[in-house]
Every structure is written in C-alpha cells, then in structure tokens.
Amino acid sequence: MEEMISVCGVNCSKDCPLFMKKCEGCRAINGKVFWAYGDGVEKCPLFDCAEKKGFFSCGFCREKPCEIWMSTRDPDLSDEEFEKDVRDRIKRLDEFCT
C-alpha cells in the first residue's frame, strides 16, 4: 500500500488503525473526519485552515505548529508523546514538501 500522508503530517497508512476501515484519509473525504464533528465543526480544523490558506498541507505553512495543532491534541497522549508526535509530523511534512 502506498503511504497516505495527511494534511497535518500523520502517516495514515502506517499510524492510524482506522485508516481504510472507518476513514479513507482526510484528502479523500475533504477533511470531514469522524472525530472532528460537533460544536459547529464540520471538518478537521487543520484541514480547513490549510484549505483556506490554499496549501496542500501544513508543510507549506511557516506557522507550524500553530495554535490549531496544539488545540487538536489527542487527549490519550502524554505531554511527552504529544511533543514527539508534533515533531515527527513536522519532520514528515518537511520531507514531503521539499
């Protein structure tokens, strides 16, 4: 299977156990990931931001990681796990966008 890198740098095909089961990847579903619904939110805030800025991914934004990244934190991750996740995603985006 070809790698599927999300707008925010998650390697869906490797890191997401729900990929191709409950989600086909944010690009395929136009950012309408199941976990992003509620409180007036219709799509992933990171996907929405990149789309509004005209970016293919957050990798092209100079503000990463931004407040949106920090506010969309997976609550199951410890502080250390979250910091590593952000670093890994930024590194993946930097490699993908060069």
Protein backbone atom coordinates (compact mmCIF):
# COMPACT_ATOMS: atom_id res chain seq x y z
CA MET A 1 0.00 0.00 0.00
CA GLU A 2 1.23 3.48 -0.88
CA GLU A 3 1.79 5.84 2.04
CA MET A 4 -1.05 8.27 2.71
CA ILE A 5 0.23 11.42 4.43
CA SER A 6 -2.49 13.65 5.83
CA VAL A 7 -2.60 17.44 5.61
CA CYS A 8 -1.11 17.66 9.11
CA GLY A 9 1.59 15.06 8.57
CA VAL A 10 0.05 11.92 10.04
CA ASN A 11 1.04 8.84 8.07
CA CYS A 12 -2.49 7.45 7.91
CA SER A 13 -1.44 4.24 6.19
CA LYS A 14 1.06 3.46 8.96
CA ASP A 15 -0.09 5.25 12.13
CA CYS A 16 -3.89 5.14 12.02
CA PRO A 17 -5.61 1.88 12.91
CA LEU A 18 -8.87 3.23 11.44
CA PHE A 19 -7.41 4.01 8.01
CA MET A 20 -9.44 2.26 5.30
CA LYS A 21 -11.76 0.87 7.98
CA LYS A 22 -13.52 3.96 9.29
CA CYS A 23 -11.61 6.67 7.39
CA GLU A 24 -10.12 6.84 3.90
CA GLY A 25 -7.82 9.72 4.79
CA CYS A 26 -8.59 13.42 5.11
CA ARG A 27 -7.94 14.27 1.47
CA ALA A 28 -10.32 11.56 0.23
CA ILE A 29 -13.13 12.77 2.48
CA ASN A 30 -12.41 16.52 2.20
CA GLY A 31 -11.40 16.86 5.84
CA LYS A 32 -14.68 15.50 7.18
CA VAL A 33 -13.09 13.06 9.59
CA PHE A 34 -15.47 11.40 12.03
CA TRP A 35 -13.77 12.76 15.15
CA ALA A 36 -14.00 16.40 14.03
CA TYR A 37 -17.78 16.73 14.13
CA GLY A 38 -19.66 18.61 16.82
CA ASP A 39 -19.89 22.10 18.27
CA GLY A 40 -20.35 23.57 14.80
CA VAL A 41 -17.23 21.87 13.40
CA GLU A 42 -17.79 20.19 10.06
CA LYS A 43 -14.24 19.24 9.15
CA CYS A 44 -10.83 18.87 10.71
CA PRO A 45 -9.65 22.35 11.78
CA LEU A 46 -6.15 21.68 10.40
CA PHE A 47 -7.52 20.57 7.04
CA ASP A 48 -9.85 23.58 6.98
CA CYS A 49 -7.02 26.00 7.77
CA ALA A 50 -4.71 24.60 5.08
CA GLU A 51 -7.55 24.66 2.57
CA LYS A 52 -8.42 28.30 3.38
CA LYS A 53 -4.77 29.31 3.01
CA GLY A 54 -4.52 27.46 -0.31
CA PHE A 55 -1.94 24.98 1.00
CA PHE A 56 -1.79 21.32 0.02
CA SER A 57 -0.65 20.63 3.57
CA CYS A 58 0.53 22.30 6.75
CA GLY A 59 4.04 21.65 5.47
CA PHE A 60 3.83 24.82 3.40
CA CYS A 61 2.85 27.00 6.35
CA ARG A 62 5.53 28.92 8.25
CA GLU A 63 3.40 28.96 11.42
CA LYS A 64 3.52 25.23 12.17
CA PRO A 65 2.99 24.06 14.80
CA CYS A 66 0.28 26.62 15.38
CA GLU A 67 -2.43 27.08 17.96
CA ILE A 68 -4.73 24.81 15.95
CA TRP A 69 -2.18 21.98 16.17
CA MET A 70 -1.97 22.42 19.91
CA SER A 71 -5.75 22.57 20.36
CA THR A 72 -6.36 19.39 18.37
CA ARG A 73 -4.22 17.30 20.65
CA ASP A 74 -5.12 13.65 21.14
CA PRO A 75 -6.19 13.53 24.81
CA ASP A 76 -4.85 9.98 25.13
CA LEU A 77 -1.25 11.15 24.63
CA SER A 78 1.01 12.22 27.47
CA ASP A 79 2.82 15.55 27.17
CA GLU A 80 5.96 13.75 26.01
CA GLU A 81 4.06 11.62 23.47
CA PHE A 82 2.29 14.68 22.11
CA GLU A 83 5.53 16.65 21.74
CA LYS A 84 7.13 13.71 19.92
CA ASP A 85 4.06 13.34 17.69
CA VAL A 86 4.24 17.03 16.70
CA ARG A 87 7.99 16.80 15.99
CA ASP A 88 7.51 13.64 13.91
CA ARG A 89 4.65 15.15 11.90
CA ILE A 90 6.61 18.35 11.20
CA LYS A 91 9.64 16.33 10.11
CA ARG A 92 7.44 14.19 7.82
CA LEU A 93 5.83 17.31 6.31
CA ASP A 94 9.20 18.99 5.82
CA GLU A 95 10.44 15.90 3.96
CA PHE A 96 7.22 15.57 1.97
CA CYS A 97 7.10 19.25 0.96
CA THR A 98 10.67 19.63 -0.27
